[in-house]
Amino acid sequence: MPQLSLHTPLGEITLSEDEGAIVSLDWGRGADQEATPLLREAVDQLHDYFDGKRTTFQLPLAPHGSAYQKRVWAALCRIPPGETRSYLDIAREIASVPRAVGQANGANPIAILIPCHRVIAADGGLGGFSGGDGPITKRYLLEHEARALNRPLARGLLL
């Protein structure tokens, strides 16, 4: 499976491609580097994201997961940049429960590109984050998007 790593303000991350789609974003540097056209494009888009030049991505994504997880991840992709939704909001949208949404959110294999960092607790608390340095990384991503959009942090967010 081709992989390509890039340096970001959050440290090294590695993208993996399978059958013409991005299937994972991992924290750290991958051992084998293969710069396919898709991975180069993904790296370029992520560089633009971290440079504040973009807040959305135009890449084919194919995360591996259950049908339920894919429903949750599709809902995450509908959260606009600079905004947040609670686990409860997502649960209501897909007729589920917040705990199950949280578990699927935590299993997201393509963080940032599938914006699991935009999901917070119903009380405005940050909630968890399984990538990078955990909640510190989540806070950074939310603040970064707010700066890129020239907006205040999402309404009600307790940082």
Foldseek 3Di string as FASTA:
>chain_A
DAKAWDQAPLGIWMWDDDPQFTAAIAHDDDPDHDDDVQNVQVRVVVVCLRVLNDQADDTHHDYDDDPVLVLLLVVLNPADQLAAEELCRSCVVVVHDSVVSVVSLQVDRYDSNSPSLRYDHPQQERDWHNHRPISVVSVVRQVSSCVSVVHPHYPRHDD
